[in-house]
Amino acid sequence: MNIDQIRKHIDTLIKEKGKNYRSLSMAIGKNEAYLHQYINKGSPLRLPEEQRRKLALLLDVDEQELTDIHLPKTILQTTGHSK
């Protein structure tokens, strides 16, 4: 997936799981508008590693689903969602 597809995928996951941008943004240690800005305005370009990992845990998905960058298997194992 490319960066725009990743953003759309994250947006879909958030809606499917009954979550919202504000609560998830705060849960990953960012301000309440962080995920809204990321998904709708494209800033930041990519989620930083720490926020991506936390978001993957909160959404109960493999961290690789949240990035267009190939993640080594050892990183994926730390989220508990390696395949």
N, C-alpha and C. Protein backbone atom coordinates (compact mmCIF):
# COMPACT_ATOMS: atom_id res chain seq x y z
N MET A 1 0.84 -1.19 0.00
CA MET A 1 0.00 0.00 0.00
C MET A 1 0.89 1.24 0.00
N ASN A 2 0.38 2.30 -0.63
CA ASN A 2 1.11 3.56 -0.59
C ASN A 2 0.64 4.38 0.62
N ILE A 3 1.24 5.53 0.81
CA ILE A 3 0.97 6.34 2.00
C ILE A 3 -0.50 6.74 2.10
N ASP A 4 -1.10 7.15 0.98
CA ASP A 4 -2.51 7.55 1.01
C ASP A 4 -3.42 6.36 1.33
N GLN A 5 -3.10 5.21 0.80
CA GLN A 5 -3.88 4.00 1.09
C GLN A 5 -3.77 3.62 2.56
N ILE A 6 -2.58 3.80 3.13
CA ILE A 6 -2.37 3.53 4.56
C ILE A 6 -3.28 4.43 5.39
N ARG A 7 -3.31 5.71 5.06
CA ARG A 7 -4.17 6.65 5.80
C ARG A 7 -5.63 6.22 5.72
N LYS A 8 -6.09 5.87 4.54
CA LYS A 8 -7.48 5.44 4.36
C LYS A 8 -7.74 4.15 5.16
N HIS A 9 -6.77 3.25 5.15
CA HIS A 9 -6.89 2.00 5.89
C HIS A 9 -7.01 2.27 7.39
N ILE A 10 -6.18 3.15 7.90
CA ILE A 10 -6.23 3.49 9.34
C ILE A 10 -7.57 4.12 9.67
N ASP A 11 -8.05 5.01 8.82
CA ASP A 11 -9.35 5.64 9.02
C ASP A 11 -10.45 4.58 9.08
N THR A 12 -10.41 3.64 8.17
CA THR A 12 -11.40 2.55 8.14
C THR A 12 -11.32 1.70 9.41
N LEU A 13 -10.10 1.36 9.83
CA LEU A 13 -9.92 0.57 11.05
C LEU A 13 -10.50 1.30 12.26
N ILE A 14 -10.23 2.59 12.35
CA ILE A 14 -10.74 3.38 13.48
C ILE A 14 -12.26 3.33 13.52
N LYS A 15 -12.88 3.51 12.37
CA LYS A 15 -14.35 3.49 12.30
C LYS A 15 -14.90 2.10 12.60
N GLU A 16 -14.29 1.07 12.02
CA GLU A 16 -14.75 -0.31 12.23
C GLU A 16 -14.67 -0.72 13.69
N LYS A 17 -13.67 -0.23 14.39
CA LYS A 17 -13.46 -0.61 15.79
C LYS A 17 -14.22 0.30 16.76
N GLY A 18 -14.97 1.27 16.20
CA GLY A 18 -15.77 2.16 17.04
C GLY A 18 -14.94 3.14 17.85
N LYS A 19 -13.77 3.46 17.34
CA LYS A 19 -12.86 4.39 18.03
C LYS A 19 -13.00 5.78 17.40
N ASN A 20 -12.26 6.75 17.94
CA ASN A 20 -12.26 8.08 17.34
C ASN A 20 -10.85 8.66 17.37
N TYR A 21 -10.63 9.63 16.51
CA TYR A 21 -9.29 10.23 16.37
C TYR A 21 -8.80 10.80 17.70
N ARG A 22 -9.68 11.52 18.38
CA ARG A 22 -9.28 12.23 19.60
C ARG A 22 -8.75 11.27 20.67
N SER A 23 -9.54 10.26 21.00
CA SER A 23 -9.14 9.36 22.09
C SER A 23 -7.89 8.56 21.71
N LEU A 24 -7.81 8.13 20.45
CA LEU A 24 -6.62 7.39 20.03
C LEU A 24 -5.38 8.28 20.00
N SER A 25 -5.55 9.51 19.55
CA SER A 25 -4.41 10.45 19.53
C SER A 25 -3.84 10.62 20.93
N MET A 26 -4.73 10.81 21.88
CA MET A 26 -4.28 11.00 23.26
C MET A 26 -3.68 9.71 23.83
N ALA A 27 -4.24 8.56 23.44
CA ALA A 27 -3.73 7.28 23.92
C ALA A 27 -2.32 6.97 23.40
N ILE A 28 -1.97 7.54 22.25
CA ILE A 28 -0.62 7.32 21.72
C ILE A 28 0.34 8.45 22.13
N GLY A 29 -0.14 9.30 23.03
CA GLY A 29 0.72 10.33 23.60
C GLY A 29 0.82 11.61 22.79
N LYS A 30 -0.16 11.88 21.97
CA LYS A 30 -0.14 13.08 21.14
C LYS A 30 -1.35 13.95 21.46
N ASN A 31 -1.39 15.16 20.87
CA ASN A 31 -2.53 16.05 21.11
C ASN A 31 -3.78 15.48 20.44
N GLU A 32 -4.92 15.99 20.85
CA GLU A 32 -6.19 15.39 20.43
C GLU A 32 -6.47 15.50 18.93
N ALA A 33 -5.78 16.37 18.21
CA ALA A 33 -6.00 16.52 16.77
C ALA A 33 -4.98 15.75 15.93
N TYR A 34 -4.04 15.07 16.56
CA TYR A 34 -2.92 14.44 15.85
C TYR A 34 -3.36 13.49 14.74
N LEU A 35 -4.20 12.52 15.03
CA LEU A 35 -4.60 11.55 14.01
C LEU A 35 -5.50 12.19 12.95
N HIS A 36 -6.31 13.16 13.33
CA HIS A 36 -7.11 13.88 12.33
C HIS A 36 -6.18 14.56 11.33
N GLN A 37 -5.15 15.22 11.82
CA GLN A 37 -4.19 15.90 10.94
C GLN A 37 -3.43 14.89 10.08
N TYR A 38 -3.05 13.78 10.67
CA TYR A 38 -2.32 12.75 9.92
C TYR A 38 -3.19 12.19 8.79
N ILE A 39 -4.41 11.83 9.09
CA ILE A 39 -5.27 11.19 8.10
C ILE A 39 -5.81 12.18 7.07
N ASN A 40 -6.23 13.35 7.50
CA ASN A 40 -6.89 14.28 6.60
C ASN A 40 -5.98 15.34 5.98
N LYS A 41 -4.89 15.64 6.61
CA LYS A 41 -4.00 16.69 6.10
C LYS A 41 -2.63 16.16 5.68
N GLY A 42 -2.37 14.89 5.99
CA GLY A 42 -1.11 14.28 5.58
C GLY A 42 0.11 14.70 6.38
N SER A 43 -0.12 15.15 7.61
CA SER A 43 0.99 15.57 8.45
C SER A 43 0.88 14.88 9.82
N PRO A 44 1.90 14.14 10.17
CA PRO A 44 3.18 13.91 9.50
C PRO A 44 3.01 12.97 8.29
N LEU A 45 4.02 12.90 7.48
CA LEU A 45 3.98 12.05 6.30
C LEU A 45 3.76 10.59 6.70
N ARG A 46 4.50 10.14 7.68
CA ARG A 46 4.36 8.78 8.22
C ARG A 46 4.28 8.87 9.74
N LEU A 47 3.58 7.91 10.33
CA LEU A 47 3.54 7.86 11.79
C LEU A 47 4.91 7.46 12.32
N PRO A 48 5.41 8.17 13.32
CA PRO A 48 6.67 7.76 13.94
C PRO A 48 6.53 6.37 14.56
N GLU A 49 7.64 5.69 14.67
CA GLU A 49 7.65 4.29 15.14
C GLU A 49 6.88 4.09 16.44
N GLU A 50 7.15 4.92 17.43
CA GLU A 50 6.51 4.75 18.73
C GLU A 50 4.98 4.89 18.64
N GLN A 51 4.51 5.89 17.92
CA GLN A 51 3.07 6.10 17.78
C GLN A 51 2.44 5.00 16.93
N ARG A 52 3.14 4.57 15.90
CA ARG A 52 2.63 3.50 15.05
C ARG A 52 2.45 2.21 15.85
N ARG A 53 3.43 1.90 16.67
CA ARG A 53 3.38 0.68 17.48
C ARG A 53 2.22 0.74 18.48
N LYS A 54 2.07 1.87 19.14
CA LYS A 54 0.97 2.03 20.10
C LYS A 54 -0.38 1.93 19.41
N LEU A 55 -0.50 2.57 18.24
CA LEU A 55 -1.76 2.54 17.51
C LEU A 55 -2.10 1.12 17.05
N ALA A 56 -1.10 0.38 16.62
CA ALA A 56 -1.32 -1.01 16.21
C ALA A 56 -1.88 -1.83 17.38
N LEU A 57 -1.33 -1.62 18.55
CA LEU A 57 -1.83 -2.34 19.73
C LEU A 57 -3.27 -1.94 20.06
N LEU A 58 -3.55 -0.65 20.00
CA LEU A 58 -4.89 -0.16 20.32
C LEU A 58 -5.95 -0.63 19.31
N LEU A 59 -5.52 -0.76 18.05
CA LEU A 59 -6.45 -1.21 17.00
C LEU A 59 -6.40 -2.73 16.82
N ASP A 60 -5.51 -3.38 17.55
CA ASP A 60 -5.35 -4.84 17.50
C ASP A 60 -5.07 -5.32 16.07
N VAL A 61 -4.07 -4.68 15.45
CA VAL A 61 -3.64 -5.07 14.10
C VAL A 61 -2.13 -5.20 14.05
N ASP A 62 -1.65 -5.85 13.03
CA ASP A 62 -0.23 -5.98 12.78
C ASP A 62 0.32 -4.59 12.46
N GLU A 63 1.42 -4.24 13.06
CA GLU A 63 2.03 -2.92 12.84
C GLU A 63 2.31 -2.67 11.37
N GLN A 64 2.60 -3.71 10.60
CA GLN A 64 2.90 -3.54 9.18
C GLN A 64 1.71 -2.95 8.42
N GLU A 65 0.49 -3.16 8.92
CA GLU A 65 -0.70 -2.60 8.27
C GLU A 65 -0.74 -1.08 8.33
N LEU A 66 0.07 -0.49 9.22
CA LEU A 66 0.02 0.95 9.45
C LEU A 66 1.17 1.71 8.81
N THR A 67 1.94 1.04 7.94
CA THR A 67 3.05 1.72 7.30
C THR A 67 3.32 1.14 5.92
N ASP A 68 3.90 1.97 5.07
CA ASP A 68 4.31 1.51 3.74
C ASP A 68 5.76 1.05 3.75
N ILE A 69 6.42 1.20 4.88
CA ILE A 69 7.82 0.79 5.03
C ILE A 69 7.85 -0.66 5.50
N HIS A 70 8.68 -1.47 4.86
CA HIS A 70 8.80 -2.87 5.28
C HIS A 70 9.45 -2.92 6.67
N LEU A 71 8.80 -3.59 7.59
CA LEU A 71 9.31 -3.72 8.95
C LEU A 71 9.94 -5.10 9.13
N PRO A 72 11.13 -5.15 9.69
CA PRO A 72 11.75 -6.45 9.96
C PRO A 72 10.88 -7.27 10.91
N LYS A 73 10.92 -8.57 10.77
CA LYS A 73 10.10 -9.46 11.59
C LYS A 73 10.34 -9.23 13.09
N THR A 74 11.55 -8.91 13.49
CA THR A 74 11.83 -8.70 14.92
C THR A 74 11.05 -7.52 15.47
N ILE A 75 10.83 -6.49 14.66
CA ILE A 75 10.02 -5.35 15.12
C ILE A 75 8.58 -5.77 15.26
N LEU A 76 8.08 -6.51 14.30
CA LEU A 76 6.70 -6.95 14.34
C LEU A 76 6.42 -7.85 15.53
N GLN A 77 7.39 -8.64 15.95
CA GLN A 77 7.20 -9.53 17.09
C GLN A 77 6.96 -8.76 18.37
N THR A 78 7.46 -7.54 18.48
CA THR A 78 7.28 -6.77 19.70
C THR A 78 5.84 -6.30 19.87
N THR A 79 5.05 -6.28 18.80
CA THR A 79 3.66 -5.86 18.91
C THR A 79 2.75 -7.04 19.23
N GLY A 80 3.29 -8.25 19.11
CA GLY A 80 2.47 -9.42 19.37
C GLY A 80 1.60 -9.81 18.20
N HIS A 81 1.88 -9.25 17.02
CA HIS A 81 1.05 -9.52 15.86
C HIS A 81 1.88 -10.01 14.68
N SER A 82 3.02 -10.64 14.92
CA SER A 82 3.83 -11.12 13.80
C SER A 82 3.13 -12.26 13.10
N LYS A 83 3.41 -12.38 11.81
CA LYS A 83 2.78 -13.46 11.04
C LYS A 83 3.84 -14.29 10.38
